[in-house]
Amino acid sequence: MIAHSLLMGHFILAGIAGLGYQSLIDPPTPDRIRQFVVRGDTLSDLWLYKYGAAAFPAYRVILTDPKSTNAEIAGVLSALIFVKARKEQFRDLTVSYLSHQDSDVRVTATGLMQQIGTPEEGSILVALLSDENLLIVNAAATALAKTGGRREVVAMDAWLRAGVAHRDAPVYLKHVKTCRDALEKRLTDKN
C-alpha cells in the first residue's frame, strides 16, 4: 500500500510538472535533461535529483556539446552539485568552465569545485578571488578552504596583502580571510 501511494505521488508530480507520466520510466537522455535544466523549477530539480548518477552520460554529452547554451551548462553543473554520487569524472570539464564568459556558469563550476577539486586547481581558484562577480569570489574562497594545499595558503596570504580586488567589499575580504584560516587549520589538523 505504501509503495502504491509513493508511485501514485510520483505520477501526480510528473503530471503537475507537465512532464508526462512517461518521464518516470524514460532514461535520462540529453534532451530530457536539457528540458529539466532549462525549466529550472523545483519539480524539475526533483527529477534531476531522482535520476542521480544515471544521468551522468547525458550530463557529459551536454557539457561537451559546443551547441549547449549557458543555461544548460550552468544547470547541469548545478545538478551535479546535488547528486549523491562520486562525480570526480567531471573535474576536467568543470575546470574548463571556471574561465567561462558567463558568470552563472563560473558560479556553478566554482561551487562544484568545492566538492571535486584538488590542490591542482588551486591557482585557478586563487585567480577567481579577483572575479568581478562577488558570488564567484565567495565560492572560490570556500573551494580553496575545502580543497587547497599549503601553496594556496601562501597565495591567499599574498592576495589578501597585495591584492586590490574587492577592497570596497569588506564582507567578502573577511570571508576570504576566514576561508584562508579554515584551510590552514584543515591542513594542520590533517598532519
N, C-alpha and C. Protein backbone atom coordinates (compact mmCIF):
# COMPACT_ATOMS: atom_id res chain seq x y z
N MET A 1 0.82 -1.20 0.00
CA MET A 1 0.00 0.00 0.00
C MET A 1 0.86 1.25 0.00
N ILE A 2 1.92 1.24 0.83
CA ILE A 2 2.80 2.42 0.88
C ILE A 2 3.49 2.61 -0.46
N ALA A 3 4.00 1.53 -1.05
CA ALA A 3 4.67 1.63 -2.34
C ALA A 3 3.71 2.16 -3.40
N HIS A 4 2.46 1.70 -3.37
CA HIS A 4 1.47 2.17 -4.32
C HIS A 4 1.24 3.67 -4.14
N SER A 5 1.14 4.12 -2.90
CA SER A 5 0.93 5.54 -2.62
C SER A 5 2.11 6.37 -3.12
N LEU A 6 3.33 5.89 -2.91
CA LEU A 6 4.51 6.61 -3.38
C LEU A 6 4.52 6.69 -4.90
N LEU A 7 4.20 5.60 -5.55
CA LEU A 7 4.17 5.59 -7.01
C LEU A 7 3.12 6.56 -7.53
N MET A 8 1.96 6.56 -6.91
CA MET A 8 0.89 7.50 -7.31
C MET A 8 1.35 8.93 -7.11
N GLY A 9 2.06 9.19 -6.01
CA GLY A 9 2.59 10.53 -5.76
C GLY A 9 3.55 10.95 -6.87
N HIS A 10 4.39 10.03 -7.33
CA HIS A 10 5.32 10.33 -8.42
C HIS A 10 4.55 10.63 -9.71
N PHE A 11 3.51 9.84 -9.99
CA PHE A 11 2.71 10.10 -11.18
C PHE A 11 2.05 11.47 -11.11
N ILE A 12 1.54 11.82 -9.94
CA ILE A 12 0.90 13.13 -9.77
C ILE A 12 1.92 14.24 -9.98
N LEU A 13 3.13 14.10 -9.39
CA LEU A 13 4.18 15.10 -9.59
C LEU A 13 4.54 15.25 -11.06
N ALA A 14 4.66 14.14 -11.75
CA ALA A 14 5.00 14.19 -13.17
C ALA A 14 3.91 14.92 -13.95
N GLY A 15 2.67 14.64 -13.61
CA GLY A 15 1.56 15.32 -14.28
C GLY A 15 1.54 16.80 -14.00
N ILE A 16 1.74 17.19 -12.75
CA ILE A 16 1.76 18.60 -12.38
C ILE A 16 2.90 19.32 -13.09
N ALA A 17 4.04 18.67 -13.18
CA ALA A 17 5.21 19.28 -13.82
C ALA A 17 5.04 19.39 -15.33
N GLY A 18 4.00 18.75 -15.87
CA GLY A 18 3.78 18.79 -17.30
C GLY A 18 4.79 17.96 -18.06
N LEU A 19 5.38 17.00 -17.39
CA LEU A 19 6.43 16.19 -17.99
C LEU A 19 5.88 14.89 -18.55
N GLY A 20 4.68 14.57 -18.20
CA GLY A 20 4.09 13.32 -18.67
C GLY A 20 4.53 12.16 -17.80
N TYR A 21 3.69 11.19 -17.73
CA TYR A 21 3.97 10.04 -16.87
C TYR A 21 5.13 9.20 -17.41
N GLN A 22 5.35 9.29 -18.71
CA GLN A 22 6.44 8.53 -19.31
C GLN A 22 7.78 8.94 -18.72
N SER A 23 7.90 10.16 -18.20
CA SER A 23 9.17 10.63 -17.65
C SER A 23 9.61 9.79 -16.45
N LEU A 24 8.68 9.05 -15.86
CA LEU A 24 9.04 8.20 -14.73
C LEU A 24 9.86 6.99 -15.15
N ILE A 25 9.69 6.56 -16.39
CA ILE A 25 10.39 5.35 -16.81
C ILE A 25 11.41 5.59 -17.92
N ASP A 26 11.35 6.75 -18.57
CA ASP A 26 12.30 7.06 -19.62
C ASP A 26 13.70 7.25 -19.04
N PRO A 27 14.71 6.79 -19.76
CA PRO A 27 16.08 7.03 -19.30
C PRO A 27 16.41 8.52 -19.42
N PRO A 28 17.35 8.98 -18.64
CA PRO A 28 17.70 10.41 -18.69
C PRO A 28 18.54 10.74 -19.92
N THR A 29 17.89 11.08 -21.01
CA THR A 29 18.58 11.44 -22.25
C THR A 29 19.04 12.90 -22.18
N PRO A 30 19.99 13.27 -23.03
CA PRO A 30 20.40 14.68 -23.05
C PRO A 30 19.23 15.63 -23.31
N ASP A 31 18.33 15.27 -24.22
CA ASP A 31 17.19 16.15 -24.50
C ASP A 31 16.29 16.30 -23.28
N ARG A 32 16.04 15.20 -22.56
CA ARG A 32 15.21 15.28 -21.35
C ARG A 32 15.91 16.13 -20.29
N ILE A 33 17.21 15.93 -20.11
CA ILE A 33 17.96 16.71 -19.12
C ILE A 33 17.93 18.19 -19.50
N ARG A 34 18.09 18.50 -20.78
CA ARG A 34 18.02 19.90 -21.22
C ARG A 34 16.67 20.52 -20.84
N GLN A 35 15.59 19.75 -21.01
CA GLN A 35 14.26 20.24 -20.62
C GLN A 35 14.23 20.60 -19.14
N PHE A 36 14.77 19.71 -18.33
CA PHE A 36 14.72 19.93 -16.89
C PHE A 36 15.58 21.13 -16.47
N VAL A 37 16.80 21.22 -16.97
CA VAL A 37 17.69 22.30 -16.50
C VAL A 37 17.24 23.66 -17.00
N VAL A 38 16.64 23.71 -18.17
CA VAL A 38 16.16 25.00 -18.68
C VAL A 38 14.93 25.46 -17.92
N ARG A 39 14.07 24.52 -17.53
CA ARG A 39 12.89 24.88 -16.73
C ARG A 39 13.30 25.48 -15.41
N GLY A 40 14.26 24.84 -14.75
CA GLY A 40 14.81 25.38 -13.51
C GLY A 40 13.81 25.53 -12.37
N ASP A 41 12.74 24.75 -12.37
CA ASP A 41 11.78 24.84 -11.27
C ASP A 41 12.02 23.70 -10.28
N THR A 42 11.32 23.74 -9.17
CA THR A 42 11.53 22.77 -8.11
C THR A 42 11.22 21.35 -8.56
N LEU A 43 10.16 21.17 -9.32
CA LEU A 43 9.81 19.81 -9.76
C LEU A 43 10.86 19.25 -10.71
N SER A 44 11.38 20.09 -11.59
CA SER A 44 12.45 19.62 -12.49
C SER A 44 13.68 19.25 -11.69
N ASP A 45 14.00 20.06 -10.68
CA ASP A 45 15.14 19.74 -9.81
C ASP A 45 14.94 18.40 -9.12
N LEU A 46 13.71 18.11 -8.70
CA LEU A 46 13.42 16.82 -8.07
C LEU A 46 13.68 15.66 -9.03
N TRP A 47 13.29 15.83 -10.29
CA TRP A 47 13.53 14.77 -11.26
C TRP A 47 15.02 14.57 -11.48
N LEU A 48 15.76 15.67 -11.59
CA LEU A 48 17.21 15.55 -11.77
C LEU A 48 17.83 14.83 -10.58
N TYR A 49 17.35 15.16 -9.39
CA TYR A 49 17.86 14.52 -8.18
C TYR A 49 17.54 13.02 -8.20
N LYS A 50 16.35 12.67 -8.64
CA LYS A 50 15.95 11.25 -8.69
C LYS A 50 16.78 10.48 -9.71
N TYR A 51 17.15 11.10 -10.81
CA TYR A 51 17.99 10.42 -11.80
C TYR A 51 19.36 10.07 -11.22
N GLY A 52 19.89 10.93 -10.38
CA GLY A 52 21.19 10.68 -9.76
C GLY A 52 22.28 10.42 -10.78
N ALA A 53 23.13 9.45 -10.49
CA ALA A 53 24.27 9.13 -11.36
C ALA A 53 23.83 8.55 -12.70
N ALA A 54 22.60 8.08 -12.81
CA ALA A 54 22.12 7.55 -14.09
C ALA A 54 22.11 8.63 -15.17
N ALA A 55 22.10 9.89 -14.75
CA ALA A 55 22.10 11.00 -15.72
C ALA A 55 23.50 11.41 -16.14
N PHE A 56 24.55 10.83 -15.56
CA PHE A 56 25.92 11.24 -15.87
C PHE A 56 26.25 11.19 -17.36
N PRO A 57 25.88 10.13 -18.09
CA PRO A 57 26.19 10.15 -19.53
C PRO A 57 25.53 11.32 -20.26
N ALA A 58 24.29 11.63 -19.89
CA ALA A 58 23.60 12.77 -20.52
C ALA A 58 24.27 14.09 -20.11
N TYR A 59 24.69 14.20 -18.86
CA TYR A 59 25.40 15.40 -18.41
C TYR A 59 26.67 15.60 -19.22
N ARG A 60 27.42 14.51 -19.43
CA ARG A 60 28.67 14.60 -20.19
C ARG A 60 28.41 15.07 -21.62
N VAL A 61 27.35 14.56 -22.23
CA VAL A 61 27.00 14.98 -23.60
C VAL A 61 26.74 16.48 -23.62
N ILE A 62 25.97 16.97 -22.68
CA ILE A 62 25.63 18.39 -22.64
C ILE A 62 26.87 19.25 -22.38
N LEU A 63 27.71 18.83 -21.43
CA LEU A 63 28.89 19.63 -21.08
C LEU A 63 29.94 19.65 -22.19
N THR A 64 29.92 18.66 -23.07
CA THR A 64 30.91 18.63 -24.16
C THR A 64 30.32 19.10 -25.49
N ASP A 65 29.05 19.40 -25.52
CA ASP A 65 28.40 19.84 -26.76
C ASP A 65 28.63 21.34 -26.95
N PRO A 66 29.32 21.74 -28.02
CA PRO A 66 29.56 23.17 -28.24
C PRO A 66 28.28 23.98 -28.49
N LYS A 67 27.18 23.30 -28.78
CA LYS A 67 25.91 23.99 -29.00
C LYS A 67 25.10 24.17 -27.71
N SER A 68 25.58 23.63 -26.60
CA SER A 68 24.86 23.79 -25.34
C SER A 68 24.82 25.27 -24.95
N THR A 69 23.67 25.67 -24.44
CA THR A 69 23.52 27.07 -24.01
C THR A 69 24.16 27.26 -22.63
N ASN A 70 24.40 28.51 -22.28
CA ASN A 70 24.93 28.81 -20.95
C ASN A 70 24.01 28.30 -19.86
N ALA A 71 22.70 28.43 -20.07
CA ALA A 71 21.73 27.96 -19.07
C ALA A 71 21.80 26.45 -18.91
N GLU A 72 21.98 25.73 -20.01
CA GLU A 72 22.09 24.27 -19.93
C GLU A 72 23.36 23.86 -19.19
N ILE A 73 24.47 24.52 -19.49
CA ILE A 73 25.73 24.19 -18.84
C ILE A 73 25.65 24.48 -17.34
N ALA A 74 25.17 25.68 -17.00
CA ALA A 74 25.04 26.04 -15.58
C ALA A 74 24.07 25.10 -14.88
N GLY A 75 23.00 24.72 -15.56
CA GLY A 75 22.02 23.81 -14.97
C GLY A 75 22.58 22.44 -14.69
N VAL A 76 23.38 21.91 -15.61
CA VAL A 76 24.00 20.60 -15.41
C VAL A 76 25.02 20.67 -14.28
N LEU A 77 25.86 21.71 -14.27
CA LEU A 77 26.84 21.85 -13.18
C LEU A 77 26.15 21.97 -11.83
N SER A 78 25.05 22.71 -11.82
CA SER A 78 24.28 22.85 -10.58
C SER A 78 23.68 21.52 -10.16
N ALA A 79 23.13 20.77 -11.11
CA ALA A 79 22.56 19.46 -10.79
C ALA A 79 23.64 18.54 -10.22
N LEU A 80 24.84 18.61 -10.77
CA LEU A 80 25.93 17.76 -10.27
C LEU A 80 26.27 18.07 -8.81
N ILE A 81 26.12 19.32 -8.41
CA ILE A 81 26.40 19.69 -7.02
C ILE A 81 25.53 18.87 -6.07
N PHE A 82 24.30 18.59 -6.47
CA PHE A 82 23.35 17.94 -5.57
C PHE A 82 23.28 16.42 -5.72
N VAL A 83 23.97 15.88 -6.70
CA VAL A 83 23.96 14.43 -6.90
C VAL A 83 24.75 13.76 -5.78
N LYS A 84 24.16 12.76 -5.18
CA LYS A 84 24.83 12.00 -4.12
C LYS A 84 25.54 10.80 -4.75
N ALA A 85 26.64 11.09 -5.42
CA ALA A 85 27.45 10.06 -6.08
C ALA A 85 28.83 10.64 -6.32
N ARG A 86 29.77 9.78 -6.61
CA ARG A 86 31.13 10.25 -6.93
C ARG A 86 31.09 10.94 -8.29
N LYS A 87 31.56 12.14 -8.34
CA LYS A 87 31.49 12.91 -9.58
C LYS A 87 32.83 13.47 -10.03
N GLU A 88 33.92 12.91 -9.53
CA GLU A 88 35.24 13.37 -9.91
C GLU A 88 35.50 13.25 -11.41
N GLN A 89 34.77 12.38 -12.09
CA GLN A 89 34.93 12.22 -13.53
C GLN A 89 34.62 13.52 -14.28
N PHE A 90 33.97 14.47 -13.61
CA PHE A 90 33.63 15.74 -14.24
C PHE A 90 34.62 16.85 -13.90
N ARG A 91 35.70 16.53 -13.18
CA ARG A 91 36.65 17.56 -12.74
C ARG A 91 37.23 18.34 -13.92
N ASP A 92 37.77 17.65 -14.92
CA ASP A 92 38.41 18.35 -16.03
C ASP A 92 37.41 19.23 -16.80
N LEU A 93 36.21 18.71 -17.01
CA LEU A 93 35.19 19.53 -17.68
C LEU A 93 34.83 20.75 -16.83
N THR A 94 34.72 20.55 -15.53
CA THR A 94 34.38 21.66 -14.63
C THR A 94 35.47 22.71 -14.64
N VAL A 95 36.72 22.29 -14.60
CA VAL A 95 37.84 23.24 -14.65
C VAL A 95 37.76 24.10 -15.91
N SER A 96 37.40 23.49 -17.02
CA SER A 96 37.31 24.25 -18.27
C SER A 96 36.25 25.35 -18.20
N TYR A 97 35.27 25.19 -17.34
CA TYR A 97 34.21 26.19 -17.21
C TYR A 97 34.50 27.26 -16.16
N LEU A 98 35.60 27.14 -15.43
CA LEU A 98 35.94 28.16 -14.43
C LEU A 98 36.28 29.50 -15.07
N SER A 99 36.67 29.49 -16.33
CA SER A 99 37.00 30.74 -17.03
C SER A 99 35.96 31.12 -18.07
N HIS A 100 34.80 30.53 -17.99
CA HIS A 100 33.72 30.79 -18.95
C HIS A 100 33.30 32.25 -18.89
N GLN A 101 32.85 32.79 -20.03
CA GLN A 101 32.44 34.19 -20.06
C GLN A 101 31.17 34.46 -19.26
N ASP A 102 30.33 33.46 -19.09
CA ASP A 102 29.06 33.65 -18.38
C ASP A 102 29.26 33.45 -16.88
N SER A 103 28.85 34.41 -16.08
CA SER A 103 29.09 34.33 -14.64
C SER A 103 28.27 33.22 -13.98
N ASP A 104 27.09 32.90 -14.50
CA ASP A 104 26.31 31.79 -13.92
C ASP A 104 27.05 30.45 -14.09
N VAL A 105 27.69 30.28 -15.23
CA VAL A 105 28.47 29.07 -15.46
C VAL A 105 29.66 29.04 -14.50
N ARG A 106 30.36 30.18 -14.36
CA ARG A 106 31.52 30.23 -13.45
C ARG A 106 31.10 29.97 -12.01
N VAL A 107 29.97 30.53 -11.59
CA VAL A 107 29.50 30.33 -10.21
C VAL A 107 29.23 28.86 -9.94
N THR A 108 28.51 28.20 -10.84
CA THR A 108 28.18 26.79 -10.61
C THR A 108 29.42 25.91 -10.72
N ALA A 109 30.33 26.23 -11.64
CA ALA A 109 31.57 25.45 -11.76
C ALA A 109 32.40 25.60 -10.48
N THR A 110 32.46 26.80 -9.96
CA THR A 110 33.22 27.03 -8.72
C THR A 110 32.56 26.31 -7.55
N GLY A 111 31.23 26.32 -7.52
CA GLY A 111 30.52 25.58 -6.47
C GLY A 111 30.79 24.09 -6.53
N LEU A 112 30.83 23.54 -7.74
CA LEU A 112 31.12 22.11 -7.88
C LEU A 112 32.57 21.80 -7.49
N MET A 113 33.48 22.72 -7.73
CA MET A 113 34.88 22.50 -7.35
C MET A 113 35.03 22.36 -5.82
N GLN A 114 34.10 22.90 -5.07
CA GLN A 114 34.13 22.73 -3.61
C GLN A 114 34.05 21.25 -3.25
N GLN A 115 33.44 20.46 -4.10
CA GLN A 115 33.25 19.03 -3.84
C GLN A 115 34.28 18.15 -4.55
N ILE A 116 34.71 18.54 -5.73
CA ILE A 116 35.55 17.64 -6.53
C ILE A 116 36.94 18.20 -6.79
N GLY A 117 37.24 19.37 -6.27
CA GLY A 117 38.53 19.99 -6.53
C GLY A 117 39.66 19.33 -5.78
N THR A 118 40.87 19.60 -6.25
CA THR A 118 42.10 19.13 -5.62
C THR A 118 43.05 20.32 -5.54
N PRO A 119 44.16 20.20 -4.83
CA PRO A 119 45.12 21.30 -4.82
C PRO A 119 45.63 21.69 -6.22
N GLU A 120 45.55 20.78 -7.18
CA GLU A 120 45.98 21.09 -8.55
C GLU A 120 45.23 22.28 -9.15
N GLU A 121 43.99 22.47 -8.76
CA GLU A 121 43.20 23.57 -9.30
C GLU A 121 43.32 24.84 -8.46
N GLY A 122 44.17 24.82 -7.46
CA GLY A 122 44.29 25.94 -6.53
C GLY A 122 44.62 27.26 -7.20
N SER A 123 45.55 27.28 -8.16
CA SER A 123 45.94 28.55 -8.79
C SER A 123 44.76 29.17 -9.54
N ILE A 124 43.93 28.35 -10.14
CA ILE A 124 42.76 28.86 -10.86
C ILE A 124 41.78 29.47 -9.86
N LEU A 125 41.58 28.78 -8.74
CA LEU A 125 40.65 29.29 -7.73
C LEU A 125 41.17 30.58 -7.10
N VAL A 126 42.48 30.67 -6.88
CA VAL A 126 43.04 31.92 -6.34
C VAL A 126 42.79 33.06 -7.33
N ALA A 127 42.96 32.80 -8.61
CA ALA A 127 42.69 33.84 -9.62
C ALA A 127 41.23 34.29 -9.56
N LEU A 128 40.33 33.35 -9.28
CA LEU A 128 38.90 33.70 -9.22
C LEU A 128 38.56 34.58 -8.01
N LEU A 129 39.48 34.70 -7.05
CA LEU A 129 39.25 35.62 -5.93
C LEU A 129 39.15 37.07 -6.42
N SER A 130 39.63 37.33 -7.63
CA SER A 130 39.57 38.67 -8.21
C SER A 130 38.46 38.80 -9.25
N ASP A 131 37.60 37.82 -9.37
CA ASP A 131 36.48 37.88 -10.32
C ASP A 131 35.59 39.07 -9.97
N GLU A 132 34.99 39.67 -11.00
CA GLU A 132 34.10 40.81 -10.75
C GLU A 132 32.80 40.40 -10.05
N ASN A 133 32.43 39.14 -10.16
CA ASN A 133 31.21 38.65 -9.53
C ASN A 133 31.55 38.16 -8.11
N LEU A 134 30.98 38.81 -7.12
CA LEU A 134 31.32 38.50 -5.73
C LEU A 134 30.83 37.12 -5.29
N LEU A 135 29.81 36.58 -5.95
CA LEU A 135 29.39 35.21 -5.65
C LEU A 135 30.49 34.22 -6.02
N ILE A 136 31.19 34.51 -7.10
CA ILE A 136 32.29 33.65 -7.53
C ILE A 136 33.45 33.76 -6.55
N VAL A 137 33.73 34.97 -6.08
CA VAL A 137 34.78 35.19 -5.07
C VAL A 137 34.47 34.35 -3.84
N ASN A 138 33.24 34.41 -3.39
CA ASN A 138 32.80 33.66 -2.21
C ASN A 138 32.96 32.15 -2.44
N ALA A 139 32.49 31.67 -3.59
CA ALA A 139 32.57 30.24 -3.89
C ALA A 139 34.03 29.79 -4.05
N ALA A 140 34.87 30.62 -4.67
CA ALA A 140 36.28 30.26 -4.86
C ALA A 140 36.99 30.16 -3.51
N ALA A 141 36.73 31.10 -2.62
CA ALA A 141 37.36 31.05 -1.29
C ALA A 141 36.92 29.80 -0.54
N THR A 142 35.65 29.47 -0.62
CA THR A 142 35.13 28.27 0.04
C THR A 142 35.76 27.02 -0.57
N ALA A 143 35.88 26.99 -1.90
CA ALA A 143 36.51 25.84 -2.57
C ALA A 143 37.96 25.69 -2.14
N LEU A 144 38.67 26.80 -2.02
CA LEU A 144 40.06 26.74 -1.57
C LEU A 144 40.16 26.18 -0.15
N ALA A 145 39.25 26.60 0.71
CA ALA A 145 39.26 26.10 2.10
C ALA A 145 39.05 24.59 2.13
N LYS A 146 38.25 24.07 1.22
CA LYS A 146 37.93 22.64 1.21
C LYS A 146 38.92 21.79 0.44
N THR A 147 39.60 22.37 -0.56
CA THR A 147 40.40 21.54 -1.46
C THR A 147 41.86 21.98 -1.59
N GLY A 148 42.20 23.16 -1.11
CA GLY A 148 43.53 23.70 -1.32
C GLY A 148 44.61 22.99 -0.52
N GLY A 149 45.84 23.36 -0.82
CA GLY A 149 47.01 22.83 -0.13
C GLY A 149 47.82 23.98 0.47
N ARG A 150 49.05 23.67 0.90
CA ARG A 150 49.92 24.68 1.53
C ARG A 150 50.18 25.88 0.63
N ARG A 151 50.40 25.64 -0.65
CA ARG A 151 50.67 26.75 -1.58
C ARG A 151 49.48 27.70 -1.66
N GLU A 152 48.30 27.18 -1.52
CA GLU A 152 47.12 28.04 -1.60
C GLU A 152 47.01 28.94 -0.36
N VAL A 153 47.49 28.47 0.79
CA VAL A 153 47.54 29.34 1.98
C VAL A 153 48.44 30.53 1.68
N VAL A 154 49.61 30.28 1.12
CA VAL A 154 50.55 31.36 0.77
C VAL A 154 49.93 32.28 -0.28
N ALA A 155 49.32 31.70 -1.30
CA ALA A 155 48.70 32.50 -2.35
C ALA A 155 47.57 33.37 -1.80
N MET A 156 46.77 32.81 -0.90
CA MET A 156 45.69 33.61 -0.31
C MET A 156 46.26 34.72 0.57
N ASP A 157 47.34 34.44 1.30
CA ASP A 157 48.00 35.49 2.09
C ASP A 157 48.46 36.62 1.18
N ALA A 158 49.11 36.27 0.07
CA ALA A 158 49.59 37.28 -0.88
C ALA A 158 48.42 38.07 -1.45
N TRP A 159 47.36 37.38 -1.80
CA TRP A 159 46.18 38.05 -2.36
C TRP A 159 45.58 39.01 -1.33
N LEU A 160 45.48 38.58 -0.08
CA LEU A 160 44.90 39.43 0.96
C LEU A 160 45.77 40.66 1.24
N ARG A 161 47.10 40.51 1.17
CA ARG A 161 48.00 41.63 1.47
C ARG A 161 48.16 42.58 0.30
N ALA A 162 48.37 42.04 -0.88
CA ALA A 162 48.74 42.88 -2.01
C ALA A 162 47.61 43.12 -3.00
N GLY A 163 46.62 42.28 -2.96
CA GLY A 163 45.54 42.40 -3.94
C GLY A 163 44.71 43.65 -3.75
N VAL A 164 44.25 44.20 -4.85
CA VAL A 164 43.41 45.39 -4.79
C VAL A 164 41.96 45.08 -5.08
N ALA A 165 41.70 43.86 -5.53
CA ALA A 165 40.33 43.48 -5.87
C ALA A 165 39.44 43.47 -4.63
N HIS A 166 38.31 44.05 -4.76
CA HIS A 166 37.24 43.99 -3.76
C HIS A 166 37.60 44.66 -2.44
N ARG A 167 38.48 45.63 -2.46
CA ARG A 167 38.80 46.38 -1.22
C ARG A 167 37.57 47.13 -0.71
N ASP A 168 36.63 47.39 -1.60
CA ASP A 168 35.41 48.10 -1.21
C ASP A 168 34.30 47.14 -0.74
N ALA A 169 34.64 45.86 -0.61
CA ALA A 169 33.67 44.85 -0.17
C ALA A 169 34.25 44.09 1.02
N PRO A 170 34.29 44.72 2.19
CA PRO A 170 34.94 44.11 3.34
C PRO A 170 34.33 42.78 3.77
N VAL A 171 33.06 42.57 3.53
CA VAL A 171 32.42 41.30 3.90
C VAL A 171 33.08 40.15 3.13
N TYR A 172 33.36 40.37 1.84
CA TYR A 172 33.97 39.33 1.03
C TYR A 172 35.43 39.13 1.40
N LEU A 173 36.13 40.22 1.71
CA LEU A 173 37.52 40.09 2.16
C LEU A 173 37.58 39.28 3.46
N LYS A 174 36.63 39.55 4.34
CA LYS A 174 36.58 38.80 5.60
C LYS A 174 36.31 37.32 5.32
N HIS A 175 35.43 37.03 4.36
CA HIS A 175 35.14 35.64 4.01
C HIS A 175 36.40 34.95 3.46
N VAL A 176 37.15 35.65 2.61
CA VAL A 176 38.38 35.07 2.07
C VAL A 176 39.35 34.78 3.22
N LYS A 177 39.48 35.70 4.14
CA LYS A 177 40.37 35.50 5.29
C LYS A 177 39.90 34.32 6.14
N THR A 178 38.62 34.23 6.39
CA THR A 178 38.05 33.12 7.16
C THR A 178 38.33 31.78 6.45
N CYS A 179 38.17 31.76 5.14
CA CYS A 179 38.43 30.53 4.38
C CYS A 179 39.92 30.20 4.39
N ARG A 180 40.77 31.22 4.31
CA ARG A 180 42.21 31.00 4.38
C ARG A 180 42.57 30.35 5.71
N ASP A 181 41.99 30.88 6.79
CA ASP A 181 42.26 30.32 8.12
C ASP A 181 41.73 28.89 8.24
N ALA A 182 40.55 28.64 7.66
CA ALA A 182 39.98 27.29 7.69
C ALA A 182 40.85 26.31 6.91
N LEU A 183 41.42 26.77 5.78
CA LEU A 183 42.32 25.92 5.00
C LEU A 183 43.56 25.59 5.82
N GLU A 184 44.14 26.59 6.45
CA GLU A 184 45.34 26.34 7.26
C GLU A 184 45.04 25.36 8.39
N LYS A 185 43.89 25.55 9.04
CA LYS A 185 43.50 24.65 10.13
C LYS A 185 43.29 23.22 9.62
N ARG A 186 42.63 23.09 8.48
CA ARG A 186 42.40 21.76 7.90
C ARG A 186 43.72 21.07 7.61
N LEU A 187 44.67 21.81 7.06
CA LEU A 187 45.97 21.23 6.75
C LEU A 187 46.76 20.88 8.00
N THR A 188 46.68 21.72 9.02
CA THR A 188 47.37 21.46 10.29
C THR A 188 46.76 20.25 10.99
N ASP A 189 45.44 20.18 11.01
CA ASP A 189 44.75 19.05 11.66
C ASP A 189 45.02 17.73 10.93
N LYS A 190 45.25 17.81 9.62
CA LYS A 190 45.50 16.61 8.82
C LYS A 190 46.86 15.98 9.17
N ASN A 191 47.78 16.82 9.57
CA ASN A 191 49.12 16.31 9.90
C ASN A 191 49.20 15.94 11.31
